[in-house]
Structures are given as C-alpha cells and as structure tokens.
Amino acid sequence: MPNIKSVVKDVRKSRERHVRNVAAKSKIKTHVKKARTAIEAGDAEAAQKAVSEAVSVIDKAAGKGIIHKKAAARRKSRLMRTPQKAGP
C-alpha cells in the first residue's frame, strides 16, 4: 500500500473504476448472449427486442468510455449480421 496520500486516493479510485468497468462489460456480454439465444430460437420479434437492448447497452458503455467507440461499432455490427446467417 502506498504511503503518499494522493496515491492512496488514486488506488482507491482505480479500484472503484475497475469494479464499475467489469460490471458494465459483464452486462454487455449478458445482453449479447441473450440476443444471440433469441436469434437462434427463431422468434423474430423477441430477437429484434433483444438485439435492440444489447445495442443500447453497448452504446451506453461506449459513451462512458468503458469500451472504445470502434469496439462498440464492431460488436454491434457483428450482432446485426447474426440474423442473416441464421435465416433460411
């Protein structure tokens, strides 16, 4: 543990940010998994809703700087392409 007061604060803030970032990334993964499951199930309406929610969560994370904006765009693009593969 550091002795300098400002460094102690930096460590504390870093840990807080880490916890927040891990939670946000986990939320992204959960929503993407739900969307992919809905797509594979074949229910178009449920899949559309799940994809919409996943895109929203990804955009919020990118807006807060948790993931890079281009990483968010890539994730959304891959998610949007999935229904075309699962189609007839």
N, C-alpha and C. Protein backbone atom coordinates (compact mmCIF):
# COMPACT_ATOMS: atom_id res chain seq x y z
N MET A 1 0.84 -1.19 0.00
CA MET A 1 0.00 0.00 0.00
C MET A 1 0.89 1.25 0.00
N PRO A 2 0.56 2.21 -0.85
CA PRO A 2 1.39 3.42 -0.93
C PRO A 2 1.30 4.30 0.32
N ASN A 3 2.32 5.10 0.53
CA ASN A 3 2.36 6.00 1.69
C ASN A 3 1.84 7.39 1.36
N ILE A 4 1.91 7.79 0.11
CA ILE A 4 1.53 9.14 -0.29
C ILE A 4 0.01 9.23 -0.41
N LYS A 5 -0.55 10.28 0.20
CA LYS A 5 -1.99 10.43 0.29
C LYS A 5 -2.68 10.45 -1.08
N SER A 6 -2.12 11.17 -2.02
CA SER A 6 -2.74 11.27 -3.34
C SER A 6 -2.70 9.92 -4.07
N VAL A 7 -1.64 9.16 -3.86
CA VAL A 7 -1.53 7.85 -4.50
C VAL A 7 -2.51 6.87 -3.87
N VAL A 8 -2.74 6.99 -2.57
CA VAL A 8 -3.74 6.16 -1.89
C VAL A 8 -5.11 6.42 -2.51
N LYS A 9 -5.41 7.70 -2.75
CA LYS A 9 -6.68 8.07 -3.37
C LYS A 9 -6.77 7.53 -4.80
N ASP A 10 -5.65 7.62 -5.53
CA ASP A 10 -5.62 7.10 -6.90
C ASP A 10 -5.90 5.61 -6.93
N VAL A 11 -5.31 4.88 -6.00
CA VAL A 11 -5.53 3.43 -5.93
C VAL A 11 -6.99 3.14 -5.64
N ARG A 12 -7.56 3.89 -4.71
CA ARG A 12 -8.97 3.69 -4.34
C ARG A 12 -9.88 3.95 -5.55
N LYS A 13 -9.65 5.06 -6.24
CA LYS A 13 -10.46 5.39 -7.41
C LYS A 13 -10.28 4.37 -8.52
N SER A 14 -9.06 3.90 -8.68
CA SER A 14 -8.78 2.90 -9.71
C SER A 14 -9.57 1.62 -9.44
N ARG A 15 -9.61 1.21 -8.18
CA ARG A 15 -10.37 0.01 -7.82
C ARG A 15 -11.86 0.21 -8.05
N GLU A 16 -12.36 1.40 -7.71
CA GLU A 16 -13.78 1.69 -7.94
C GLU A 16 -14.12 1.64 -9.43
N ARG A 17 -13.26 2.25 -10.24
CA ARG A 17 -13.48 2.25 -11.68
C ARG A 17 -13.41 0.83 -12.24
N HIS A 18 -12.47 0.04 -11.73
CA HIS A 18 -12.31 -1.33 -12.19
C HIS A 18 -13.58 -2.13 -11.94
N VAL A 19 -14.14 -2.00 -10.75
CA VAL A 19 -15.37 -2.72 -10.41
C VAL A 19 -16.50 -2.29 -11.34
N ARG A 20 -16.60 -0.98 -11.57
CA ARG A 20 -17.67 -0.45 -12.43
C ARG A 20 -17.49 -0.94 -13.86
N ASN A 21 -16.25 -0.95 -14.35
CA ASN A 21 -15.98 -1.38 -15.72
C ASN A 21 -16.26 -2.86 -15.91
N VAL A 22 -15.86 -3.67 -14.93
CA VAL A 22 -16.10 -5.11 -15.02
C VAL A 22 -17.60 -5.39 -15.05
N ALA A 23 -18.36 -4.68 -14.22
CA ALA A 23 -19.81 -4.86 -14.19
C ALA A 23 -20.44 -4.49 -15.53
N ALA A 24 -19.99 -3.39 -16.11
CA ALA A 24 -20.53 -2.94 -17.39
C ALA A 24 -20.20 -3.93 -18.51
N LYS A 25 -18.97 -4.43 -18.52
CA LYS A 25 -18.58 -5.40 -19.55
C LYS A 25 -19.36 -6.70 -19.40
N SER A 26 -19.62 -7.10 -18.17
CA SER A 26 -20.41 -8.30 -17.92
C SER A 26 -21.83 -8.10 -18.44
N LYS A 27 -22.37 -6.91 -18.23
CA LYS A 27 -23.72 -6.59 -18.70
C LYS A 27 -23.78 -6.67 -20.22
N ILE A 28 -22.74 -6.18 -20.88
CA ILE A 28 -22.69 -6.26 -22.34
C ILE A 28 -22.73 -7.72 -22.79
N LYS A 29 -21.89 -8.54 -22.17
CA LYS A 29 -21.81 -9.95 -22.56
C LYS A 29 -23.14 -10.65 -22.32
N THR A 30 -23.80 -10.35 -21.22
CA THR A 30 -25.09 -10.97 -20.90
C THR A 30 -26.13 -10.61 -21.95
N HIS A 31 -26.23 -9.33 -22.29
CA HIS A 31 -27.24 -8.92 -23.26
C HIS A 31 -26.95 -9.45 -24.66
N VAL A 32 -25.68 -9.51 -25.04
CA VAL A 32 -25.33 -10.07 -26.35
C VAL A 32 -25.68 -11.55 -26.39
N LYS A 33 -25.40 -12.26 -25.30
CA LYS A 33 -25.73 -13.69 -25.25
C LYS A 33 -27.24 -13.91 -25.35
N LYS A 34 -28.01 -13.07 -24.65
CA LYS A 34 -29.48 -13.17 -24.72
C LYS A 34 -29.97 -12.91 -26.14
N ALA A 35 -29.36 -11.93 -26.80
CA ALA A 35 -29.76 -11.61 -28.17
C ALA A 35 -29.45 -12.77 -29.11
N ARG A 36 -28.26 -13.34 -28.97
CA ARG A 36 -27.90 -14.48 -29.83
C ARG A 36 -28.82 -15.68 -29.59
N THR A 37 -29.16 -15.92 -28.33
CA THR A 37 -30.08 -17.01 -28.00
C THR A 37 -31.45 -16.77 -28.62
N ALA A 38 -31.94 -15.55 -28.55
CA ALA A 38 -33.24 -15.22 -29.14
C ALA A 38 -33.21 -15.37 -30.65
N ILE A 39 -32.10 -15.00 -31.27
CA ILE A 39 -31.96 -15.13 -32.72
C ILE A 39 -31.98 -16.61 -33.12
N GLU A 40 -31.23 -17.43 -32.37
CA GLU A 40 -31.18 -18.86 -32.69
C GLU A 40 -32.51 -19.54 -32.45
N ALA A 41 -33.32 -19.02 -31.51
CA ALA A 41 -34.63 -19.60 -31.23
C ALA A 41 -35.58 -19.39 -32.40
N GLY A 42 -35.33 -18.34 -33.20
CA GLY A 42 -36.14 -18.14 -34.40
C GLY A 42 -37.29 -17.17 -34.20
N ASP A 43 -37.53 -16.68 -33.01
CA ASP A 43 -38.60 -15.72 -32.76
C ASP A 43 -38.13 -14.33 -33.17
N ALA A 44 -38.64 -13.84 -34.29
CA ALA A 44 -38.14 -12.59 -34.86
C ALA A 44 -38.41 -11.40 -33.95
N GLU A 45 -39.58 -11.36 -33.36
CA GLU A 45 -39.93 -10.21 -32.51
C GLU A 45 -39.06 -10.16 -31.26
N ALA A 46 -38.89 -11.31 -30.61
CA ALA A 46 -38.06 -11.37 -29.41
C ALA A 46 -36.60 -11.08 -29.75
N ALA A 47 -36.16 -11.57 -30.90
CA ALA A 47 -34.78 -11.33 -31.33
C ALA A 47 -34.55 -9.85 -31.58
N GLN A 48 -35.52 -9.20 -32.23
CA GLN A 48 -35.39 -7.77 -32.51
C GLN A 48 -35.31 -6.97 -31.22
N LYS A 49 -36.13 -7.32 -30.25
CA LYS A 49 -36.13 -6.62 -28.96
C LYS A 49 -34.80 -6.85 -28.23
N ALA A 50 -34.33 -8.09 -28.22
CA ALA A 50 -33.08 -8.42 -27.52
C ALA A 50 -31.89 -7.73 -28.17
N VAL A 51 -31.86 -7.68 -29.48
CA VAL A 51 -30.77 -7.01 -30.19
C VAL A 51 -30.81 -5.52 -29.88
N SER A 52 -32.00 -4.95 -29.87
CA SER A 52 -32.14 -3.53 -29.56
C SER A 52 -31.62 -3.21 -28.16
N GLU A 53 -31.94 -4.05 -27.19
CA GLU A 53 -31.46 -3.85 -25.82
C GLU A 53 -29.94 -4.00 -25.76
N ALA A 54 -29.40 -4.98 -26.46
CA ALA A 54 -27.95 -5.20 -26.47
C ALA A 54 -27.23 -4.00 -27.08
N VAL A 55 -27.76 -3.48 -28.17
CA VAL A 55 -27.16 -2.32 -28.82
C VAL A 55 -27.18 -1.12 -27.87
N SER A 56 -28.28 -0.96 -27.15
CA SER A 56 -28.39 0.14 -26.19
C SER A 56 -27.33 0.03 -25.09
N VAL A 57 -27.14 -1.17 -24.56
CA VAL A 57 -26.15 -1.39 -23.50
C VAL A 57 -24.74 -1.13 -24.03
N ILE A 58 -24.48 -1.58 -25.25
CA ILE A 58 -23.16 -1.36 -25.86
C ILE A 58 -22.91 0.13 -26.06
N ASP A 59 -23.92 0.85 -26.56
CA ASP A 59 -23.76 2.29 -26.77
C ASP A 59 -23.52 3.04 -25.47
N LYS A 60 -24.21 2.65 -24.41
CA LYS A 60 -24.02 3.31 -23.11
C LYS A 60 -22.59 3.08 -22.60
N ALA A 61 -22.09 1.87 -22.76
CA ALA A 61 -20.73 1.57 -22.31
C ALA A 61 -19.70 2.38 -23.12
N ALA A 62 -19.95 2.50 -24.42
CA ALA A 62 -19.04 3.28 -25.26
C ALA A 62 -19.10 4.75 -24.89
N GLY A 63 -20.28 5.23 -24.58
CA GLY A 63 -20.45 6.63 -24.20
C GLY A 63 -19.73 6.97 -22.91
N LYS A 64 -19.65 6.01 -22.01
CA LYS A 64 -18.97 6.23 -20.73
C LYS A 64 -17.47 5.95 -20.83
N GLY A 65 -17.03 5.48 -21.99
CA GLY A 65 -15.60 5.24 -22.18
C GLY A 65 -15.15 3.88 -21.65
N ILE A 66 -16.10 3.00 -21.35
CA ILE A 66 -15.73 1.68 -20.82
C ILE A 66 -15.17 0.80 -21.94
N ILE A 67 -15.76 0.91 -23.12
CA ILE A 67 -15.18 0.28 -24.30
C ILE A 67 -15.01 1.37 -25.35
N HIS A 68 -14.09 1.16 -26.28
CA HIS A 68 -13.81 2.14 -27.32
C HIS A 68 -14.99 2.21 -28.29
N LYS A 69 -15.22 3.38 -28.87
CA LYS A 69 -16.37 3.56 -29.75
C LYS A 69 -16.30 2.65 -30.98
N LYS A 70 -15.08 2.38 -31.46
CA LYS A 70 -14.97 1.49 -32.62
C LYS A 70 -15.17 0.03 -32.22
N ALA A 71 -14.80 -0.32 -31.00
CA ALA A 71 -15.08 -1.67 -30.49
C ALA A 71 -16.58 -1.86 -30.35
N ALA A 72 -17.26 -0.80 -29.92
CA ALA A 72 -18.73 -0.86 -29.80
C ALA A 72 -19.36 -1.03 -31.17
N ALA A 73 -18.87 -0.29 -32.16
CA ALA A 73 -19.39 -0.40 -33.52
C ALA A 73 -19.17 -1.81 -34.07
N ARG A 74 -18.01 -2.37 -33.80
CA ARG A 74 -17.71 -3.73 -34.27
C ARG A 74 -18.64 -4.74 -33.64
N ARG A 75 -18.85 -4.63 -32.33
CA ARG A 75 -19.73 -5.56 -31.62
C ARG A 75 -21.16 -5.47 -32.15
N LYS A 76 -21.63 -4.25 -32.36
CA LYS A 76 -22.99 -4.06 -32.87
C LYS A 76 -23.12 -4.61 -34.29
N SER A 77 -22.09 -4.38 -35.11
CA SER A 77 -22.12 -4.87 -36.48
C SER A 77 -22.20 -6.39 -36.52
N ARG A 78 -21.40 -7.03 -35.69
CA ARG A 78 -21.41 -8.49 -35.66
C ARG A 78 -22.75 -9.03 -35.17
N LEU A 79 -23.33 -8.32 -34.21
CA LEU A 79 -24.62 -8.74 -33.68
C LEU A 79 -25.72 -8.56 -34.73
N MET A 80 -25.64 -7.49 -35.48
CA MET A 80 -26.65 -7.22 -36.51
C MET A 80 -26.56 -8.21 -37.66
N ARG A 81 -25.35 -8.69 -37.95
CA ARG A 81 -25.17 -9.65 -39.05
C ARG A 81 -25.69 -11.03 -38.69
N THR A 82 -25.78 -11.35 -37.41
CA THR A 82 -26.14 -12.69 -36.97
C THR A 82 -27.48 -13.17 -37.52
N PRO A 83 -28.56 -12.36 -37.55
CA PRO A 83 -29.82 -12.86 -38.06
C PRO A 83 -29.76 -13.32 -39.51
N GLN A 84 -28.91 -12.67 -40.32
CA GLN A 84 -28.80 -13.06 -41.72
C GLN A 84 -28.23 -14.46 -41.86
N LYS A 85 -27.29 -14.82 -40.96
CA LYS A 85 -26.71 -16.17 -41.01
C LYS A 85 -27.72 -17.22 -40.56
N ALA A 86 -28.56 -16.86 -39.57
CA ALA A 86 -29.49 -17.82 -39.01
C ALA A 86 -30.73 -18.00 -39.87
N GLY A 87 -30.89 -17.16 -40.89
CA GLY A 87 -32.09 -17.21 -41.73
C GLY A 87 -32.11 -18.44 -42.63
N PRO A 88 -33.19 -18.59 -43.44
CA PRO A 88 -33.33 -19.78 -44.32
C PRO A 88 -32.38 -19.86 -45.43
